[in-house]
Amino acid sequence: MFERIVSQTAVLSGKPCIRGTRISVAFILELIASGASISDIAQAYPQLTVSDVEEALRFASFSLGHETMFTVAIDNANTGVSA
């Protein structure tokens, strides 16, 4: 599904990155959030293609769309931890 996105514990502690680089999906999202366009990113980082950046965005969208959130109540009275 995502041929260019890899996650290896030896690279950036397992953060999803573009294959063959140390550029994380999170970093690409930060650049986009700062106002950079896809072509701006591909020009600034010659090891990336426009397709790499687009796949990183699709990966982020897919990941967030399949995320599950849980609310957990913690009872500190029985843990020996004081607030």
PDB file of N, CA and C in Angstrom:
ATOM      1  N   MET A   1       0.823  -1.201   0.000  1.00  0.00           N
ATOM      2  CA  MET A   1       0.000   0.000   0.000  1.00  0.00           C
ATOM      3  C   MET A   1       0.864   1.260   0.000  1.00  0.00           C
ATOM      4  N   PHE A   2       1.883   1.286   0.866  1.00  0.00           N
ATOM      5  CA  PHE A   2       2.788   2.441   0.931  1.00  0.00           C
ATOM      6  C   PHE A   2       4.203   1.941   0.656  1.00  0.00           C
ATOM      7  N   GLU A   3       4.616   2.011  -0.587  1.00  0.00           N
ATOM      8  CA  GLU A   3       5.899   1.455  -0.995  1.00  0.00           C
ATOM      9  C   GLU A   3       7.088   2.308  -0.565  1.00  0.00           C
ATOM     10  N   ARG A   4       6.891   3.612  -0.408  1.00  0.00           N
ATOM     11  CA  ARG A   4       8.002   4.514  -0.097  1.00  0.00           C
ATOM     12  C   ARG A   4       8.120   4.834   1.389  1.00  0.00           C
ATOM     13  N   ILE A   5       7.164   4.407   2.211  1.00  0.00           N
ATOM     14  CA  ILE A   5       7.199   4.709   3.642  1.00  0.00           C
ATOM     15  C   ILE A   5       7.687   3.475   4.391  1.00  0.00           C
ATOM     16  N   VAL A   6       8.714   3.645   5.202  1.00  0.00           N
ATOM     17  CA  VAL A   6       9.271   2.543   5.981  1.00  0.00           C
ATOM     18  C   VAL A   6       9.393   2.963   7.438  1.00  0.00           C
ATOM     19  N   SER A   7       9.420   1.957   8.301  1.00  0.00           N
ATOM     20  CA  SER A   7       9.617   2.192   9.729  1.00  0.00           C
ATOM     21  C   SER A   7      10.616   1.155  10.224  1.00  0.00           C
ATOM     22  N   GLN A   8      11.797   1.621  10.595  1.00  0.00           N
ATOM     23  CA  GLN A   8      12.869   0.743  11.065  1.00  0.00           C
ATOM     24  C   GLN A   8      13.391   1.280  12.388  1.00  0.00           C
ATOM     25  N   THR A   9      13.509   0.418  13.373  1.00  0.00           N
ATOM     26  CA  THR A   9      13.930   0.879  14.700  1.00  0.00           C
ATOM     27  C   THR A   9      15.292   1.565  14.677  1.00  0.00           C
ATOM     28  N   ALA A  10      16.155   1.206  13.741  1.00  0.00           N
ATOM     29  CA  ALA A  10      17.487   1.813  13.671  1.00  0.00           C
ATOM     30  C   ALA A  10      17.483   3.201  13.039  1.00  0.00           C
ATOM     31  N   VAL A  11      16.367   3.604  12.451  1.00  0.00           N
ATOM     32  CA  VAL A  11      16.281   4.917  11.799  1.00  0.00           C
ATOM     33  C   VAL A  11      15.218   5.746  12.508  1.00  0.00           C
ATOM     34  N   LEU A  12      15.651   6.837  13.129  1.00  0.00           N
ATOM     35  CA  LEU A  12      14.751   7.760  13.836  1.00  0.00           C
ATOM     36  C   LEU A  12      13.835   7.033  14.817  1.00  0.00           C
ATOM     37  N   SER A  13      14.375   6.035  15.491  1.00  0.00           N
ATOM     38  CA  SER A  13      13.640   5.274  16.521  1.00  0.00           C
ATOM     39  C   SER A  13      12.337   4.671  16.009  1.00  0.00           C
ATOM     40  N   GLY A  14      12.312   4.333  14.722  1.00  0.00           N
ATOM     41  CA  GLY A  14      11.138   3.674  14.164  1.00  0.00           C
ATOM     42  C   GLY A  14      10.059   4.590  13.632  1.00  0.00           C
ATOM     43  N   LYS A  15      10.305   5.908  13.630  1.00  0.00           N
ATOM     44  CA  LYS A  15       9.309   6.814  13.051  1.00  0.00           C
ATOM     45  C   LYS A  15       9.161   6.509  11.562  1.00  0.00           C
ATOM     46  N   PRO A  16       7.954   6.591  11.028  1.00  0.00           N
ATOM     47  CA  PRO A  16       7.779   6.373   9.588  1.00  0.00           C
ATOM     48  C   PRO A  16       8.561   7.426   8.784  1.00  0.00           C
ATOM     49  N   CYS A  17       9.365   6.938   7.838  1.00  0.00           N
ATOM     50  CA  CYS A  17      10.225   7.798   7.021  1.00  0.00           C
ATOM     51  C   CYS A  17      10.079   7.439   5.556  1.00  0.00           C
ATOM     52  N   ILE A  18      10.569   8.346   4.715  1.00  0.00           N
ATOM     53  CA  ILE A  18      10.665   8.056   3.292  1.00  0.00           C
ATOM     54  C   ILE A  18      11.828   7.086   3.101  1.00  0.00           C
ATOM     55  N   ARG A  19      11.581   5.988   2.395  1.00  0.00           N
ATOM     56  CA  ARG A  19      12.603   4.950   2.165  1.00  0.00           C
ATOM     57  C   ARG A  19      13.904   5.573   1.660  1.00  0.00           C
ATOM     58  N   GLY A  20      15.019   5.129   2.263  1.00  0.00           N
ATOM     59  CA  GLY A  20      16.342   5.588   1.833  1.00  0.00           C
ATOM     60  C   GLY A  20      16.741   6.949   2.362  1.00  0.00           C
ATOM     61  N   THR A  21      15.924   7.525   3.234  1.00  0.00           N
ATOM     62  CA  THR A  21      16.236   8.841   3.822  1.00  0.00           C
ATOM     63  C   THR A  21      16.021   8.787   5.326  1.00  0.00           C
ATOM     64  N   ARG A  22      16.382   9.847   5.981  1.00  0.00           N
ATOM     65  CA  ARG A  22      16.058  10.030   7.396  1.00  0.00           C
ATOM     66  C   ARG A  22      15.024  11.159   7.524  1.00  0.00           C
ATOM     67  N   ILE A  23      14.210  11.321   6.509  1.00  0.00           N
ATOM     68  CA  ILE A  23      13.165  12.351   6.507  1.00  0.00           C
ATOM     69  C   ILE A  23      11.859  11.680   6.905  1.00  0.00           C
ATOM     70  N   SER A  24      11.341  12.097   8.051  1.00  0.00           N
ATOM     71  CA  SER A  24      10.136  11.462   8.587  1.00  0.00           C
ATOM     72  C   SER A  24       8.864  12.053   7.998  1.00  0.00           C
ATOM     73  N   VAL A  25       7.821  11.252   8.045  1.00  0.00           N
ATOM     74  CA  VAL A  25       6.499  11.719   7.636  1.00  0.00           C
ATOM     75  C   VAL A  25       6.101  12.915   8.497  1.00  0.00           C
ATOM     76  N   ALA A  26       6.398  12.850   9.789  1.00  0.00           N
ATOM     77  CA  ALA A  26       6.060  13.955  10.695  1.00  0.00           C
ATOM     78  C   ALA A  26       6.749  15.250  10.259  1.00  0.00           C
ATOM     79  N   PHE A  27       8.011  15.161   9.834  1.00  0.00           N
ATOM     80  CA  PHE A  27       8.730  16.346   9.377  1.00  0.00           C
ATOM     81  C   PHE A  27       8.074  16.938   8.132  1.00  0.00           C
ATOM     82  N   ILE A  28       7.652  16.079   7.214  1.00  0.00           N
ATOM     83  CA  ILE A  28       6.963  16.558   6.012  1.00  0.00           C
ATOM     84  C   ILE A  28       5.668  17.264   6.393  1.00  0.00           C
ATOM     85  N   LEU A  29       4.941  16.707   7.358  1.00  0.00           N
ATOM     86  CA  LEU A  29       3.711  17.364   7.825  1.00  0.00           C
ATOM     87  C   LEU A  29       4.009  18.724   8.440  1.00  0.00           C
ATOM     88  N   GLU A  30       5.101  18.828   9.182  1.00  0.00           N
ATOM     89  CA  GLU A  30       5.490  20.120   9.770  1.00  0.00           C
ATOM     90  C   GLU A  30       5.783  21.142   8.674  1.00  0.00           C
ATOM     91  N   LEU A  31       6.465  20.699   7.626  1.00  0.00           N
ATOM     92  CA  LEU A  31       6.765  21.617   6.514  1.00  0.00           C
ATOM     93  C   LEU A  31       5.488  22.097   5.842  1.00  0.00           C
ATOM     94  N   ILE A  32       4.563  21.176   5.588  1.00  0.00           N
ATOM     95  CA  ILE A  32       3.280  21.546   4.980  1.00  0.00           C
ATOM     96  C   ILE A  32       2.529  22.512   5.891  1.00  0.00           C
ATOM     97  N   ALA A  33       2.509  22.218   7.195  1.00  0.00           N
ATOM     98  CA  ALA A  33       1.807  23.083   8.156  1.00  0.00           C
ATOM     99  C   ALA A  33       2.438  24.472   8.219  1.00  0.00           C
ATOM    100  N   SER A  34       3.727  24.563   7.907  1.00  0.00           N
ATOM    101  CA  SER A  34       4.427  25.857   7.920  1.00  0.00           C
ATOM    102  C   SER A  34       4.225  26.641   6.632  1.00  0.00           C
ATOM    103  N   GLY A  35       3.498  26.051   5.681  1.00  0.00           N
ATOM    104  CA  GLY A  35       3.185  26.769   4.460  1.00  0.00           C
ATOM    105  C   GLY A  35       3.923  26.297   3.217  1.00  0.00           C
ATOM    106  N   ALA A  36       4.791  25.302   3.351  1.00  0.00           N
ATOM    107  CA  ALA A  36       5.516  24.807   2.177  1.00  0.00           C
ATOM    108  C   ALA A  36       4.574  24.001   1.284  1.00  0.00           C
ATOM    109  N   SER A  37       4.771  24.111  -0.002  1.00  0.00           N
ATOM    110  CA  SER A  37       3.993  23.305  -0.947  1.00  0.00           C
ATOM    111  C   SER A  37       4.741  21.993  -1.190  1.00  0.00           C
ATOM    112  N   ILE A  38       4.062  21.064  -1.831  1.00  0.00           N
ATOM    113  CA  ILE A  38       4.701  19.790  -2.147  1.00  0.00           C
ATOM    114  C   ILE A  38       5.917  20.025  -3.035  1.00  0.00           C
ATOM    115  N   SER A  39       5.780  20.890  -4.030  1.00  0.00           N
ATOM    116  CA  SER A  39       6.924  21.157  -4.919  1.00  0.00           C
ATOM    117  C   SER A  39       8.045  21.891  -4.180  1.00  0.00           C
ATOM    118  N   ASP A  40       7.698  22.769  -3.225  1.00  0.00           N
ATOM    119  CA  ASP A  40       8.730  23.434  -2.406  1.00  0.00           C
ATOM    120  C   ASP A  40       9.578  22.398  -1.672  1.00  0.00           C
ATOM    121  N   ILE A  41       8.908  21.404  -1.101  1.00  0.00           N
ATOM    122  CA  ILE A  41       9.605  20.374  -0.322  1.00  0.00           C
ATOM    123  C   ILE A  41      10.497  19.538  -1.234  1.00  0.00           C
ATOM    124  N   ALA A  42       9.971  19.132  -2.386  1.00  0.00           N
ATOM    125  CA  ALA A  42      10.766  18.333  -3.327  1.00  0.00           C
ATOM    126  C   ALA A  42      11.986  19.113  -3.826  1.00  0.00           C
ATOM    127  N   GLN A  43      11.856  20.419  -3.988  1.00  0.00           N
ATOM    128  CA  GLN A  43      12.990  21.238  -4.437  1.00  0.00           C
ATOM    129  C   GLN A  43      14.006  21.432  -3.312  1.00  0.00           C
ATOM    130  N   ALA A  44      13.532  21.604  -2.087  1.00  0.00           N
ATOM    131  CA  ALA A  44      14.431  21.844  -0.961  1.00  0.00           C
ATOM    132  C   ALA A  44      15.174  20.573  -0.530  1.00  0.00           C
ATOM    133  N   TYR A  45      14.589  19.423  -0.796  1.00  0.00           N
ATOM    134  CA  TYR A  45      15.175  18.139  -0.408  1.00  0.00           C
ATOM    135  C   TYR A  45      15.282  17.278  -1.672  1.00  0.00           C
ATOM    136  N   PRO A  46      16.390  17.413  -2.413  1.00  0.00           N
ATOM    137  CA  PRO A  46      16.516  16.759  -3.716  1.00  0.00           C
ATOM    138  C   PRO A  46      16.422  15.233  -3.666  1.00  0.00           C
ATOM    139  N   GLN A  47      16.609  14.642  -2.497  1.00  0.00           N
ATOM    140  CA  GLN A  47      16.478  13.191  -2.385  1.00  0.00           C
ATOM    141  C   GLN A  47      15.011  12.749  -2.392  1.00  0.00           C
ATOM    142  N   LEU A  48      14.095  13.723  -2.323  1.00  0.00           N
ATOM    143  CA  LEU A  48      12.664  13.431  -2.354  1.00  0.00           C
ATOM    144  C   LEU A  48      12.077  13.770  -3.715  1.00  0.00           C
ATOM    145  N   THR A  49      11.084  12.998  -4.101  1.00  0.00           N
ATOM    146  CA  THR A  49      10.323  13.322  -5.295  1.00  0.00           C
ATOM    147  C   THR A  49       8.953  13.856  -4.858  1.00  0.00           C
ATOM    148  N   VAL A  50       8.258  14.453  -5.785  1.00  0.00           N
ATOM    149  CA  VAL A  50       6.885  14.888  -5.500  1.00  0.00           C
ATOM    150  C   VAL A  50       6.052  13.687  -5.062  1.00  0.00           C
ATOM    151  N   SER A  51       6.257  12.544  -5.694  1.00  0.00           N
ATOM    152  CA  SER A  51       5.521  11.322  -5.330  1.00  0.00           C
ATOM    153  C   SER A  51       5.818  10.887  -3.900  1.00  0.00           C
ATOM    154  N   ASP A  52       7.076  11.062  -3.442  1.00  0.00           N
ATOM    155  CA  ASP A  52       7.428  10.730  -2.047  1.00  0.00           C
ATOM    156  C   ASP A  52       6.613  11.571  -1.072  1.00  0.00           C
ATOM    157  N   VAL A  53       6.556  12.862  -1.345  1.00  0.00           N
ATOM    158  CA  VAL A  53       5.837  13.777  -0.454  1.00  0.00           C
ATOM    159  C   VAL A  53       4.340  13.469  -0.474  1.00  0.00           C
ATOM    160  N   GLU A  54       3.800  13.214  -1.643  1.00  0.00           N
ATOM    161  CA  GLU A  54       2.376  12.870  -1.741  1.00  0.00           C
ATOM    162  C   GLU A  54       2.070  11.580  -0.994  1.00  0.00           C
ATOM    163  N   GLU A  55       2.968  10.585  -1.104  1.00  0.00           N
ATOM    164  CA  GLU A  55       2.730   9.332  -0.379  1.00  0.00           C
ATOM    165  C   GLU A  55       2.817   9.543   1.127  1.00  0.00           C
ATOM    166  N   ALA A  56       3.714  10.404   1.580  1.00  0.00           N
ATOM    167  CA  ALA A  56       3.804  10.709   3.009  1.00  0.00           C
ATOM    168  C   ALA A  56       2.491  11.313   3.510  1.00  0.00           C
ATOM    169  N   LEU A  57       1.898  12.186   2.719  1.00  0.00           N
ATOM    170  CA  LEU A  57       0.617  12.787   3.098  1.00  0.00           C
ATOM    171  C   LEU A  57      -0.501  11.745   3.118  1.00  0.00           C
ATOM    172  N   ARG A  58      -0.511  10.852   2.133  1.00  0.00           N
ATOM    173  CA  ARG A  58      -1.519   9.777   2.119  1.00  0.00           C
ATOM    174  C   ARG A  58      -1.336   8.851   3.316  1.00  0.00           C
ATOM    175  N   PHE A  59      -0.080   8.547   3.654  1.00  0.00           N
ATOM    176  CA  PHE A  59       0.210   7.688   4.813  1.00  0.00           C
ATOM    177  C   PHE A  59      -0.298   8.341   6.097  1.00  0.00           C
ATOM    178  N   ALA A  60      -0.039   9.628   6.262  1.00  0.00           N
ATOM    179  CA  ALA A  60      -0.493  10.338   7.460  1.00  0.00           C
ATOM    180  C   ALA A  60      -2.011  10.335   7.546  1.00  0.00           C
ATOM    181  N   SER A  61      -2.671  10.580   6.441  1.00  0.00           N
ATOM    182  CA  SER A  61      -4.132  10.577   6.409  1.00  0.00           C
ATOM    183  C   SER A  61      -4.675   9.195   6.764  1.00  0.00           C
ATOM    184  N   PHE A  62      -4.095   8.163   6.172  1.00  0.00           N
ATOM    185  CA  PHE A  62      -4.522   6.793   6.455  1.00  0.00           C
ATOM    186  C   PHE A  62      -4.321   6.465   7.929  1.00  0.00           C
ATOM    187  N   SER A  63      -3.156   6.823   8.470  1.00  0.00           N
ATOM    188  CA  SER A  63      -2.835   6.520   9.870  1.00  0.00           C
ATOM    189  C   SER A  63      -3.807   7.194  10.826  1.00  0.00           C
ATOM    190  N   LEU A  64      -4.101   8.454  10.587  1.00  0.00           N
ATOM    191  CA  LEU A  64      -5.026   9.178  11.462  1.00  0.00           C
ATOM    192  C   LEU A  64      -6.448   8.665  11.317  1.00  0.00           C
ATOM    193  N   GLY A  65      -6.809   8.236  10.129  1.00  0.00           N
ATOM    194  CA  GLY A  65      -8.148   7.722   9.892  1.00  0.00           C
ATOM    195  C   GLY A  65      -8.395   6.374  10.537  1.00  0.00           C
ATOM    196  N   HIS A  66      -7.321   5.678  10.908  1.00  0.00           N
ATOM    197  CA  HIS A  66      -7.451   4.360  11.515  1.00  0.00           C
ATOM    198  C   HIS A  66      -6.950   4.343  12.960  1.00  0.00           C
ATOM    199  N   GLU A  67      -6.880   5.501  13.559  1.00  0.00           N
ATOM    200  CA  GLU A  67      -6.413   5.621  14.937  1.00  0.00           C
ATOM    201  C   GLU A  67      -7.590   5.457  15.888  1.00  0.00           C
ATOM    202  N   THR A  68      -7.348   4.784  17.005  1.00  0.00           N
ATOM    203  CA  THR A  68      -8.375   4.601  18.026  1.00  0.00           C
ATOM    204  C   THR A  68      -7.926   5.285  19.303  1.00  0.00           C
ATOM    205  N   MET A  69      -8.817   6.056  19.893  1.00  0.00           N
ATOM    206  CA  MET A  69      -8.513   6.761  21.140  1.00  0.00           C
ATOM    207  C   MET A  69      -9.272   6.102  22.288  1.00  0.00           C
ATOM    208  N   PHE A  70      -8.611   5.970  23.416  1.00  0.00           N
ATOM    209  CA  PHE A  70      -9.224   5.399  24.605  1.00  0.00           C
ATOM    210  C   PHE A  70      -9.102   6.374  25.761  1.00  0.00           C
ATOM    211  N   THR A  71     -10.118   6.414  26.595  1.00  0.00           N
ATOM    212  CA  THR A  71     -10.058   7.189  27.829  1.00  0.00           C
ATOM    213  C   THR A  71      -9.942   6.203  28.976  1.00  0.00           C
ATOM    214  N   VAL A  72      -8.942   6.424  29.825  1.00  0.00           N
ATOM    215  CA  VAL A  72      -8.696   5.506  30.921  1.00  0.00           C
ATOM    216  C   VAL A  72      -8.687   6.297  32.217  1.00  0.00           C
ATOM    217  N   ALA A  73      -9.462   5.838  33.204  1.00  0.00           N
ATOM    218  CA  ALA A  73      -9.460   6.460  34.524  1.00  0.00           C
ATOM    219  C   ALA A  73      -8.393   5.777  35.370  1.00  0.00           C
ATOM    220  N   ILE A  74      -7.618   6.566  36.077  1.00  0.00           N
ATOM    221  CA  ILE A  74      -6.565   6.024  36.927  1.00  0.00           C
ATOM    222  C   ILE A  74      -6.911   6.334  38.373  1.00  0.00           C
ATOM    223  N   ASP A  75      -6.888   5.294  39.182  1.00  0.00           N
ATOM    224  CA  ASP A  75      -7.178   5.437  40.608  1.00  0.00           C
ATOM    225  C   ASP A  75      -5.856   5.467  41.351  1.00  0.00           C
ATOM    226  N   ASN A  76      -5.395   6.668  41.728  1.00  0.00           N
ATOM    227  CA  ASN A  76      -4.115   6.805  42.427  1.00  0.00           C
ATOM    228  C   ASN A  76      -4.169   6.315  43.862  1.00  0.00           C
ATOM    229  N   ALA A  77      -5.356   6.095  44.412  1.00  0.00           N
ATOM    230  CA  ALA A  77      -5.490   5.658  45.805  1.00  0.00           C
ATOM    231  C   ALA A  77      -4.856   4.291  46.024  1.00  0.00           C
ATOM    232  N   ASN A  78      -4.860   3.445  45.022  1.00  0.00           N
ATOM    233  CA  ASN A  78      -4.350   2.087  45.183  1.00  0.00           C
ATOM    234  C   ASN A  78      -2.956   1.880  44.578  1.00  0.00           C
ATOM    235  N   THR A  79      -2.335   2.921  44.087  1.00  0.00           N
ATOM    236  CA  THR A  79      -1.043   2.764  43.433  1.00  0.00           C
ATOM    237  C   THR A  79       0.123   3.207  44.297  1.00  0.00           C
ATOM    238  N   GLY A  80      -0.166   3.885  45.378  1.00  0.00           N
ATOM    239  CA  GLY A  80       0.894   4.421  46.203  1.00  0.00           C
ATOM    240  C   GLY A  80       1.476   5.710  45.653  1.00  0.00           C
ATOM    241  N   VAL A  81       0.877   6.249  44.631  1.00  0.00           N
ATOM    242  CA  VAL A  81       1.330   7.488  44.016  1.00  0.00           C
ATOM    243  C   VAL A  81       0.477   8.626  44.531  1.00  0.00           C
ATOM    244  N   SER A  82       1.130   9.685  44.971  1.00  0.00           N
ATOM    245  CA  SER A  82       0.359  10.840  45.435  1.00  0.00           C
ATOM    246  C   SER A  82       0.292  11.877  44.325  1.00  0.00           C
ATOM    247  N   ALA A  83      -0.798  12.592  44.295  1.00  0.00           N
ATOM    248  CA  ALA A  83      -1.000  13.582  43.243  1.00  0.00           C
ATOM    249  C   ALA A  83      -0.322  14.867  43.543  1.00  0.00           C
TER     250      ALA A  83
END
